[in-house]
Protein backbone atom coordinates (compact mmCIF):
# COMPACT_ATOMS: atom_id res chain seq x y z
CA MET A 1 0.70 8.36 -20.13
CA PRO A 2 -1.04 11.75 -20.79
CA GLN A 3 -1.09 14.55 -18.25
CA GLY A 4 -3.57 14.27 -15.41
CA THR A 5 -4.62 11.53 -13.03
CA TRP A 6 -5.79 8.13 -14.27
CA PHE A 7 -7.26 4.95 -12.81
CA ASP A 8 -5.47 1.80 -14.01
CA VAL A 9 -8.40 -0.61 -14.24
CA ALA A 10 -6.30 -3.76 -14.63
CA LYS A 11 -4.13 -3.02 -11.60
CA ASN A 12 -6.87 -1.24 -9.60
CA GLN A 13 -4.57 1.71 -8.93
CA LEU A 14 -4.87 5.50 -9.22
CA VAL A 15 -1.76 6.91 -10.94
CA LYS A 16 -0.30 10.24 -12.02
CA GLY A 17 0.24 10.83 -15.72
CA ASP A 18 2.66 12.92 -17.79
CA VAL A 19 5.21 10.09 -17.86
CA ILE A 20 6.57 7.53 -20.30
CA TYR A 21 6.90 4.15 -18.62
CA THR A 22 6.77 0.43 -19.29
CA ASP A 23 4.84 -2.01 -17.15
CA ALA A 24 4.11 -5.74 -17.17
CA TYR A 25 0.63 -7.25 -17.55
CA THR A 26 -0.42 -10.87 -17.54
CA LEU A 27 -2.30 -12.48 -20.41
CA ASP A 28 -5.50 -12.11 -18.37
CA GLU A 29 -5.02 -8.35 -17.88
CA ILE A 30 -6.01 -5.70 -20.43
CA PRO A 31 -4.27 -2.36 -19.74
CA TYR A 32 -6.82 0.45 -19.94
CA TYR A 33 -7.46 3.56 -17.85
CA TYR A 34 -10.33 5.77 -16.68
CA LYS A 35 -9.77 9.49 -16.32
CA ALA A 36 -9.95 10.43 -12.62
CA GLY A 37 -13.49 11.45 -11.72
CA SER A 38 -15.06 9.87 -14.82
CA VAL A 39 -18.49 8.25 -14.65
CA ILE A 40 -18.51 5.22 -16.95
CA VAL A 41 -21.96 3.86 -17.88
CA ASN A 42 -22.28 0.08 -18.34
CA TYR A 43 -25.08 -2.36 -19.05
CA PRO A 44 -25.09 -5.63 -17.15
CA TYR A 45 -24.29 -8.64 -19.32
CA GLN A 46 -27.02 -9.33 -21.89
CA ARG A 47 -27.23 -10.88 -25.36
CA THR A 48 -28.94 -8.03 -27.21
CA VAL A 49 -29.01 -4.21 -27.29
CA GLN A 50 -32.64 -4.18 -28.37
CA THR A 51 -33.81 -4.25 -24.77
CA THR A 52 -32.92 -1.69 -22.14
CA PRO A 53 -32.09 -3.34 -18.78
CA GLU A 54 -33.70 -2.16 -15.58
CA THR A 55 -30.27 -1.95 -13.88
CA ILE A 56 -27.64 0.50 -15.16
CA ILE A 57 -24.09 0.26 -13.79
CA LEU A 58 -22.20 3.49 -13.08
CA LYS A 59 -18.45 3.08 -12.50
CA VAL A 60 -17.10 6.14 -10.67
CA ALA A 61 -13.33 6.60 -10.95
CA PRO A 62 -11.64 8.12 -7.87
CA GLY A 63 -9.23 11.01 -7.54
CA GLY A 64 -10.92 13.94 -9.28
CA ASP A 65 -13.97 15.60 -10.79
CA GLY A 66 -15.67 14.45 -13.98
CA THR A 67 -18.85 14.00 -15.98
CA GLY A 68 -20.61 11.38 -18.08
CA SER A 69 -23.85 10.95 -19.93
CA PHE A 70 -26.26 8.18 -20.87
CA TYR A 71 -28.11 8.19 -24.21
CA GLU A 72 -30.91 5.70 -24.69
CA ASP A 73 -33.50 4.92 -27.36
CA ASN A 74 -35.68 1.93 -28.18
CA GLY A 75 -32.81 0.27 -30.06
CA ASP A 76 -35.03 -1.11 -32.79
CA ASP A 77 -35.67 1.51 -35.51
CA ALA A 78 -34.28 4.61 -37.28
CA GLN A 79 -35.91 7.18 -34.97
CA TYR A 80 -32.84 7.53 -32.76
CA ALA A 81 -32.15 11.10 -33.94
CA ASP A 82 -35.44 12.51 -32.62
CA HIS A 83 -36.79 9.99 -30.15
CA TYR A 84 -34.33 9.43 -27.32
CA ALA A 85 -33.61 10.31 -23.71
CA MET A 86 -30.48 11.66 -21.98
CA THR A 87 -29.28 11.45 -18.38
CA THR A 88 -26.10 13.21 -17.29
CA PHE A 89 -23.80 12.39 -14.39
CA SER A 90 -21.09 14.29 -12.55
CA SER A 91 -18.72 13.30 -9.78
CA VAL A 92 -16.46 15.04 -7.28
CA GLY A 93 -13.82 12.89 -5.61
CA THR A 94 -11.30 13.40 -2.80
CA ASP A 95 -9.33 10.94 -0.68
CA SER A 96 -12.15 10.88 1.90
CA LYS A 97 -15.39 11.45 -0.04
CA ALA A 98 -17.07 10.75 -3.37
CA THR A 99 -20.13 12.62 -4.60
CA LEU A 100 -22.17 11.41 -7.58
CA SER A 101 -24.89 13.62 -9.08
CA ILE A 102 -27.54 12.11 -11.40
CA SER A 103 -29.69 14.49 -13.43
CA ALA A 104 -33.36 14.15 -14.21
CA ARG A 105 -33.99 12.23 -17.42
CA GLU A 106 -34.74 14.45 -20.42
CA GLY A 107 -36.48 13.38 -23.63
CA ALA A 108 -38.71 10.42 -24.49
CA PHE A 109 -39.06 7.46 -26.82
CA GLU A 110 -41.48 4.62 -27.38
CA GLU A 111 -41.44 1.93 -24.69
CA MET A 112 -39.14 4.02 -22.51
CA PRO A 113 -38.34 2.18 -19.21
CA MET A 114 -40.23 3.52 -16.22
CA VAL A 115 -38.50 1.31 -13.66
CA ARG A 116 -34.77 1.60 -13.03
CA THR A 117 -32.06 0.99 -10.45
CA TYR A 118 -28.62 2.53 -10.69
CA GLN A 119 -25.79 0.34 -9.39
CA ALA A 120 -23.09 2.88 -8.53
CA GLU A 121 -19.63 1.33 -8.15
CA PHE A 122 -17.15 3.66 -6.44
CA LEU A 123 -13.70 2.42 -7.47
CA GLY A 124 -10.41 2.71 -5.58
CA ALA A 125 -11.93 2.52 -2.08
CA GLU A 126 -9.31 1.64 0.56
CA GLY A 127 -11.95 0.77 3.15
CA ASN A 128 -15.68 0.47 3.70
CA ALA A 129 -17.92 3.53 3.78
CA THR A 130 -18.63 5.21 7.10
CA SER A 131 -21.67 6.94 5.64
CA VAL A 132 -23.75 6.74 2.44
CA THR A 133 -26.59 9.18 1.69
CA VAL A 134 -28.97 9.65 -1.23
CA ASN A 135 -30.48 13.16 -1.39
CA GLY A 136 -29.34 13.65 2.20
CA ASN A 137 -31.02 10.51 3.53
CA ALA A 138 -28.84 7.75 4.98
CA VAL A 139 -29.08 4.42 3.16
CA SER A 140 -27.92 0.94 4.11
CA ASP A 141 -28.14 -0.83 0.73
CA TYR A 142 -24.44 -0.78 -0.05
CA SER A 143 -21.51 -3.21 0.17
CA TYR A 144 -17.70 -3.19 0.11
CA ASP A 145 -15.47 -5.64 -1.77
CA ALA A 146 -12.03 -5.42 -0.13
CA ASP A 147 -10.31 -7.45 -2.86
CA LYS A 148 -11.63 -5.28 -5.69
CA LYS A 149 -11.61 -2.09 -3.57
CA VAL A 150 -15.14 -1.20 -4.68
CA ILE A 151 -18.07 0.27 -2.73
CA THR A 152 -21.35 -0.61 -4.49
CA VAL A 153 -24.49 1.41 -3.79
CA SER A 154 -27.92 0.34 -5.08
CA ILE A 155 -30.06 3.39 -5.99
CA PRO A 156 -33.67 2.76 -7.03
CA VAL A 157 -35.14 5.59 -9.14
CA GLU A 158 -38.34 6.86 -7.55
CA SER A 159 -38.94 9.66 -10.06
CA PHE A 160 -37.21 10.23 -13.41
CA SER A 161 -38.12 13.92 -13.25
CA GLN A 162 -36.01 14.54 -10.13
CA ALA A 163 -32.21 14.73 -9.78
CA MET A 164 -30.37 12.63 -7.20
CA THR A 165 -27.14 13.14 -5.25
CA VAL A 166 -25.19 10.25 -3.71
CA VAL A 167 -22.49 10.99 -1.14
CA VAL A 168 -20.09 8.29 0.07
CA ASP A 169 -17.76 8.99 3.00
CA ALA A 170 -14.88 6.51 2.77
CA PRO A 171 -11.08 6.40 2.35
CA PHE A 172 -10.16 6.50 -1.34
CA GLN A 173 -6.84 6.05 -3.10
CA THR A 174 -4.40 8.89 -3.66
CA ALA A 175 -2.54 8.93 -6.95
CA LYS A 176 0.70 6.96 -7.20
CA THR A 177 3.66 8.51 -9.04
CA LEU A 178 4.83 6.25 -11.86
CA THR A 179 8.57 5.96 -12.33
CA SER A 180 9.80 6.84 -15.79
CA GLY A 181 11.57 4.04 -17.62
CA TYR A 182 10.50 1.02 -15.59
CA ASP A 183 11.93 -1.82 -17.66
CA PRO A 184 10.72 -5.33 -16.83
CA GLN A 185 12.79 -8.09 -18.43
CA THR A 186 11.46 -11.57 -17.68
CA PRO A 187 7.87 -11.49 -16.39
CA ASP A 188 6.66 -14.61 -14.62
CA VAL A 189 3.04 -15.77 -14.83
CA GLN A 190 1.99 -13.01 -12.42
CA GLY A 191 3.70 -10.35 -14.57
CA THR A 192 6.61 -9.78 -12.14
CA PRO A 193 10.14 -9.75 -13.61
CA LYS A 194 12.77 -11.95 -11.97
CA PHE A 195 16.48 -11.42 -11.43
CA TRP A 196 19.34 -13.44 -9.95
CA ALA A 197 22.78 -12.58 -8.54
CA ILE A 198 25.61 -14.72 -9.90
CA GLY A 199 29.38 -14.84 -9.59
CA SER A 200 32.18 -16.07 -7.38
CA ALA A 201 31.02 -13.74 -4.57
CA VAL A 202 27.62 -15.45 -4.38
CA PRO A 203 27.35 -18.58 -2.18
CA GLY A 204 26.40 -21.47 -4.47
CA GLY A 205 27.14 -19.35 -7.52
CA ILE A 206 23.57 -18.05 -7.94
CA GLN A 207 20.90 -16.57 -5.63
CA PRO A 208 17.47 -15.09 -6.52
CA LEU A 209 16.76 -11.45 -5.83
CA GLU A 210 13.56 -10.68 -3.92
CA SER A 211 10.95 -8.55 -5.65
CA PHE A 212 9.86 -5.34 -3.89
CA PRO A 213 7.43 -2.65 -5.13
CA ASN A 214 8.37 0.08 -7.61
CA GLY A 215 10.64 -2.16 -9.69
CA GLN A 216 13.11 -2.85 -6.88
CA TYR A 217 14.93 -6.18 -6.41
CA LYS A 218 16.89 -6.93 -3.25
CA PHE A 219 19.51 -9.27 -1.87
CA HIS A 220 19.95 -9.92 1.85
CA GLY A 221 22.59 -12.28 3.21
CA THR A 222 26.13 -13.60 2.88
CA LEU A 223 28.66 -12.60 0.22
CA ASN A 224 32.26 -13.73 -0.15
CA PRO A 225 35.26 -12.04 -1.78
CA GLY A 226 34.86 -12.16 -5.55
CA GLU A 227 32.83 -10.78 -8.46
CA LEU A 228 29.07 -10.33 -8.87
CA TYR A 229 26.66 -9.81 -11.78
CA ILE A 230 22.86 -9.73 -12.06
CA ILE A 231 21.07 -11.77 -14.74
CA ASP A 232 17.45 -12.10 -15.87
CA THR A 233 17.32 -15.89 -16.34
CA GLU A 234 17.64 -18.69 -13.81
CA GLY A 235 21.08 -19.68 -14.99
CA GLU A 236 23.16 -18.48 -17.92
CA THR A 237 21.61 -19.22 -21.34
CA SER A 238 21.84 -17.86 -24.86
CA THR A 239 19.12 -15.30 -24.06
CA THR A 240 20.57 -14.11 -20.74
CA ARG A 241 21.07 -10.38 -20.23
CA TYR A 242 23.90 -9.38 -17.88
CA TYR A 243 23.41 -6.39 -15.59
CA ALA A 244 26.63 -4.84 -14.32
CA PRO A 245 28.06 -1.49 -13.21
CA ALA A 246 29.02 1.00 -15.90
CA LYS A 247 32.48 1.20 -14.31
CA SER A 248 34.59 -1.93 -13.81
CA PHE A 249 35.49 -3.15 -10.33
CA THR A 250 32.76 -1.16 -8.57
CA ASN A 251 32.48 -2.14 -4.91
CA ILE A 252 29.14 -3.73 -4.04
CA VAL A 253 29.02 -1.33 -1.07
CA ASN A 254 28.18 1.95 -2.78
CA GLU A 255 25.72 4.84 -2.71
CA GLY A 256 24.25 4.14 -6.15
CA SER A 257 26.16 2.76 -9.12
CA THR A 258 24.77 3.09 -12.66
CA VAL A 259 23.67 -0.25 -14.14
CA VAL A 260 23.99 -1.25 -17.80
CA ASN A 261 22.80 -4.49 -19.37
CA ARG A 262 24.51 -6.44 -22.14
CA ALA A 263 24.07 -9.66 -24.06
CA LYS A 264 27.54 -10.87 -22.97
CA LYS A 265 29.42 -10.99 -19.70
CA GLU A 266 32.25 -8.47 -19.90
CA THR A 267 34.94 -7.19 -17.56
CA SER A 268 32.54 -4.85 -15.79
CA GLU A 269 31.38 -6.30 -12.48
CA TRP A 270 30.74 -5.50 -8.86
CA VAL A 271 33.40 -6.71 -6.44
CA VAL A 272 33.10 -7.95 -2.87
CA THR A 273 36.25 -7.51 -0.78
CA ALA A 274 35.34 -9.23 2.50
CA SER A 275 33.10 -12.07 3.72
CA ALA A 276 30.10 -11.06 5.83
CA ASP A 277 26.54 -12.20 6.46
CA ASN A 278 24.98 -8.71 6.59
CA TYR A 279 25.23 -7.60 2.96
CA ARG A 280 22.18 -6.19 1.31
CA PHE A 281 21.84 -4.45 -2.01
CA THR A 282 18.98 -3.07 -4.11
CA TYR A 283 18.78 -3.13 -7.89
CA ASP A 284 16.33 -0.40 -8.97
CA SER A 285 15.13 -1.43 -12.44
CA ALA A 286 13.40 1.93 -12.93
CA LYS A 287 16.38 4.14 -12.14
CA LYS A 288 18.94 1.62 -13.49
CA THR A 289 21.01 1.85 -10.32
CA LEU A 290 22.34 -0.49 -7.63
CA ARG A 291 22.99 0.56 -4.06
CA GLY A 292 24.66 -1.76 -1.55
CA GLU A 293 25.67 -1.74 2.09
CA MET A 294 26.79 -3.83 5.03
CA PHE A 295 23.74 -3.44 7.25
CA PRO A 296 24.43 -1.81 10.62
CA TRP A 297 22.43 -3.56 13.35
CA LEU A 298 19.78 -1.37 14.94
CA LEU A 299 19.95 -0.56 18.64
CA GLU A 300 16.30 0.43 18.97
CA LEU A 301 13.04 0.57 17.01
CA TYR A 302 9.88 2.54 17.80
CA ILE A 303 6.32 2.98 16.56
CA GLY A 304 5.29 6.60 16.25
CA GLY A 305 1.95 7.99 15.14
CA GLY A 306 -1.47 9.39 15.86
CA CYS A 307 -2.87 5.99 16.87
CA THR A 308 -0.27 5.19 19.56
CA ALA A 309 -1.38 7.64 22.27
CA PRO A 310 -3.89 10.49 22.83
CA ASN A 311 -3.17 14.22 23.18
CA GLN A 312 -1.40 14.65 19.83
CA SER A 313 -3.71 17.19 18.22
CA GLU A 314 -1.01 19.43 16.73
CA LYS A 315 1.71 16.90 15.93
CA TRP A 316 3.12 13.50 16.88
CA TYR A 317 5.37 13.59 19.93
CA THR A 318 8.60 11.58 20.06
CA GLU A 319 8.20 11.00 23.81
CA LEU A 320 5.05 8.99 22.99
CA PHE A 321 6.88 6.60 20.65
CA VAL A 322 6.20 2.97 21.55
CA PRO A 323 9.35 0.78 21.68
CA LEU A 324 9.59 -2.68 20.14
CA GLN A 325 11.75 -5.36 21.69
CA ASN A 326 14.76 -7.01 20.03
CA LEU A 327 14.70 -10.83 20.01
CA ASP A 328 17.56 -12.46 21.88
CA THR A 329 17.76 -15.21 19.22
CA ASP A 330 17.95 -12.86 16.20
CA LYS A 331 19.25 -9.31 16.45
CA ASN A 332 17.40 -8.37 13.25
CA ILE A 333 13.92 -9.19 14.59
CA TRP A 334 11.88 -6.70 16.62
CA THR A 335 8.55 -7.63 18.19
CA GLY A 336 5.88 -6.29 20.47
CA ILE A 337 2.18 -6.20 21.26
CA VAL A 338 0.91 -2.64 20.99
CA GLU A 339 -2.48 -1.08 21.59
CA LEU A 340 -3.45 1.20 18.69
CA LYS A 341 -6.56 3.39 18.56
CA ASN A 342 -8.16 5.98 16.35
CA TYR A 343 -7.77 8.82 18.86
CA ALA A 344 -10.29 11.50 17.84
CA GLY A 345 -8.67 14.93 17.63
CA ASN A 346 -5.15 13.60 17.04
CA GLU A 347 -3.09 14.58 14.04
CA GLN A 348 -3.55 11.74 11.50
CA PRO A 349 -5.26 9.57 14.13
CA LYS A 350 -5.18 6.26 12.21
CA ARG A 351 -1.60 6.43 10.93
CA PHE A 352 1.85 5.35 12.14
CA LYS A 353 5.38 4.65 10.93
CA LEU A 354 8.53 3.09 12.40
CA MET A 355 11.60 4.96 13.62
CA ALA A 356 15.06 3.50 14.36
CA GLN A 357 15.68 6.11 17.06
CA LYS A 358 13.53 8.13 19.42
CA ASP A 359 13.52 10.99 16.95
CA TRP A 360 12.35 11.76 13.42
CA GLY A 361 15.68 10.96 11.82
CA PRO A 362 17.90 9.80 10.37
CA ILE A 363 16.33 6.31 9.89
CA SER A 364 12.59 5.73 9.33
CA PHE A 365 10.59 2.82 7.89
CA HIS A 366 7.53 3.38 5.67
CA PRO A 367 5.04 1.46 3.52
CA PHE A 368 5.42 1.85 -0.23
CA THR A 369 1.93 3.38 -0.49
CA GLN A 370 0.12 5.80 1.78
CA ASP A 371 -2.41 4.27 4.20
CA GLU A 372 -1.47 0.66 3.55
CA GLU A 373 -3.71 -1.41 5.84
CA ALA A 374 -1.56 -2.47 8.81
CA THR A 375 -2.59 -6.11 8.74
CA SER A 376 -1.76 -6.31 5.01
CA ALA A 377 1.80 -5.10 5.48
CA SER A 378 4.61 -7.38 4.28
CA GLN A 379 7.49 -5.16 3.09
CA PHE A 380 8.69 -1.65 3.88
CA CYS A 381 11.06 0.93 2.47
CA ILE A 382 13.72 2.85 4.36
CA GLY A 383 13.35 6.59 3.88
CA GLY A 384 11.74 7.85 0.69
CA ASP A 385 8.20 9.23 0.65
CA ASP A 386 6.78 9.89 4.10
CA ASN A 387 4.02 7.27 3.75
CA LYS A 388 2.36 5.73 6.80
CA TRP A 389 0.48 2.57 7.64
CA ALA A 390 -3.13 2.90 8.81
CA ILE A 391 -5.33 0.90 11.17
CA SER A 392 -8.98 0.11 10.46
CA LYS A 393 -9.81 -1.20 13.95
CA ASP A 394 -9.00 -0.20 17.51
CA GLY A 395 -7.29 -2.88 19.54
CA TYR A 396 -4.10 -4.82 20.14
CA TYR A 397 -1.62 -5.59 17.36
CA GLN A 398 1.30 -8.03 17.30
CA PHE A 399 4.30 -6.57 15.43
CA THR A 400 7.15 -8.61 13.95
CA VAL A 401 9.72 -6.53 12.04
CA ASP A 402 12.85 -7.85 10.32
CA ALA A 403 14.93 -4.70 10.03
CA PHE A 404 17.60 -6.40 7.89
CA ARG A 405 15.34 -8.16 5.37
CA GLU A 406 12.92 -5.20 5.27
CA THR A 407 9.82 -7.23 6.08
CA ILE A 408 6.98 -6.57 8.50
CA ARG A 409 4.05 -8.60 9.79
CA ILE A 410 1.23 -7.05 11.84
CA GLU A 411 -1.48 -9.26 13.30
CA TYR A 412 -4.70 -7.90 14.81
CA LEU A 413 -5.37 -9.62 18.16
CA GLY A 414 -8.72 -8.01 19.01
CA GLU A 415 -10.02 -5.34 21.34
CA ASP A 416 -9.49 -7.36 24.52
CA LYS A 417 -6.14 -7.19 26.21
CA PRO A 418 -4.19 -10.42 25.52
CA SER A 419 -3.48 -12.64 28.50
CA GLY A 420 -0.18 -11.92 30.18
CA MET A 421 -0.44 -8.17 29.59
CA GLU A 422 -2.36 -7.24 32.74
CA HIS A 423 -0.93 -4.43 34.81
CA ILE A 424 1.11 -5.69 37.76
CA VAL A 425 -0.65 -5.24 41.06
CA SER A 426 0.58 -5.43 44.64
CA GLY A 427 1.06 -9.02 45.76
CA VAL A 428 1.94 -10.29 42.28
CA LEU A 429 5.16 -8.36 41.92
CA ASP A 430 6.54 -5.63 44.12
CA ALA A 431 7.60 -3.27 41.33
CA SER A 432 10.19 -1.31 43.25
CA LYS A 433 11.91 -0.31 39.98
CA ILE A 434 10.61 0.12 36.41
CA TYR A 435 12.92 0.15 33.36
CA ASN A 436 12.46 0.58 29.63
CA VAL A 437 13.90 -1.97 27.17
CA SER A 438 17.16 0.01 27.00
CA GLY A 439 17.65 -0.41 30.74
CA VAL A 440 16.87 3.20 31.66
CA GLU A 441 14.95 3.51 34.92
CA GLN A 442 11.48 5.09 34.69
CA GLY A 443 9.20 6.45 37.36
CA THR A 444 5.95 4.98 36.01
CA LEU A 445 4.70 2.48 33.44
CA GLN A 446 5.14 3.88 29.93
CA HIS A 447 3.43 2.97 26.65
CA GLY A 448 5.12 -0.10 25.18
CA VAL A 449 7.36 -2.67 26.89
CA ASN A 450 8.28 -2.13 30.58
CA ILE A 451 10.60 -4.23 32.71
CA LEU A 452 9.51 -4.44 36.36
CA ARG A 453 11.99 -5.58 39.02
CA ASP A 454 11.23 -6.23 42.67
CA SER A 455 13.51 -5.88 45.69
CA LYS A 456 14.61 -9.53 45.37
CA GLY A 457 15.78 -9.09 41.78
CA ASN A 458 12.81 -10.85 40.15
CA SER A 459 11.83 -9.35 36.79
CA LYS A 460 8.81 -9.40 34.51
CA LYS A 461 8.02 -7.72 31.20
CA VAL A 462 4.75 -5.79 30.97
CA VAL A 463 3.28 -4.10 27.89
CA LYS A 464 1.14 -1.04 28.44
């Protein structure tokens, strides 16, 4: 990938260049890239080039500044060298705004179109536009396709002798850093490689690894004393590649062992020395490493961010972290209903992340990409880049976090307070004492889960 920033059209992702990498594409995907900020001119589908359509499509790549031009003639004779017209385009893109400039048309040719509409498609949009203007005038003729991440603006040309400027205020992608050497082995029909753990340490002899972003594959669960390999086929065959540590008898619990792959199983394997149900390990196919641990159960988990509470204009405050509650039936699961808002004036008012203590370290949970929509969240990473989730709506959200399996589900419940979350009033419960979920007495209701106890010992949980 050359230096600079590029938009991967097949994967709909803005990426950073200056890297050699391998990626997987399905048979339906054609890998090609637009330079960040480019303006790509397209005709709508038609069967001939001898007619100029009234609608011209302008694809605007996010993440930078660029230019483009549109040459047109009558398409039907040899006068193209002298009888033609040119229109130039330029764009300026940031993560919050895209500006498209369209010049006046210059030149002329026979039967030149005098009616035209530009269909500007702003690629890489992470949400709908909050404002669209043409020459400073607000317009409403635009749409957002969340699946394709495209904002489409229809721009009728009123005068070919006048320039136009289109400004779109919206969240746009920031460039993702590609990992050098990503090496997929066995793509499935969606283009995702698959791996399995095998060996005497693996219950049943074989278990699939779960695919995570950035070429990571994870195991969560029980291991027994014995040996362990990773393979790239569902069972051992003549084409199986064996992935094992570079050094023999490497303990599966390690800070990052180098992985090599071979055509034959050799005497290099990971070893498991004790039975337990809290093993988890990550094979990083990009870095060619495996890191394993026996997961230590969390004692607490908090939501921290600019959307959890007001009065955070300079920074996020740890005392405003919102606690989640540990399920009695599964010590890995943390849940809670939390009110999140875009508090104007806050630092990063739409963003949040998860912390495993009421402080900024040592353990924090993040999405794999910055500003992942909260309700789209499914997996998280521990540590790494300081990415945050983002909300698109104010209201109440139901969180379910599996700290062991590294999964997260966030459901939007609406702007109205869910039933059962009303503040306790006199006559319903005499709240003589208020505690947090850790059992520490508090003077007043705090953001998050509160435990209220009356003088008779009756208790009730209340979420603020």
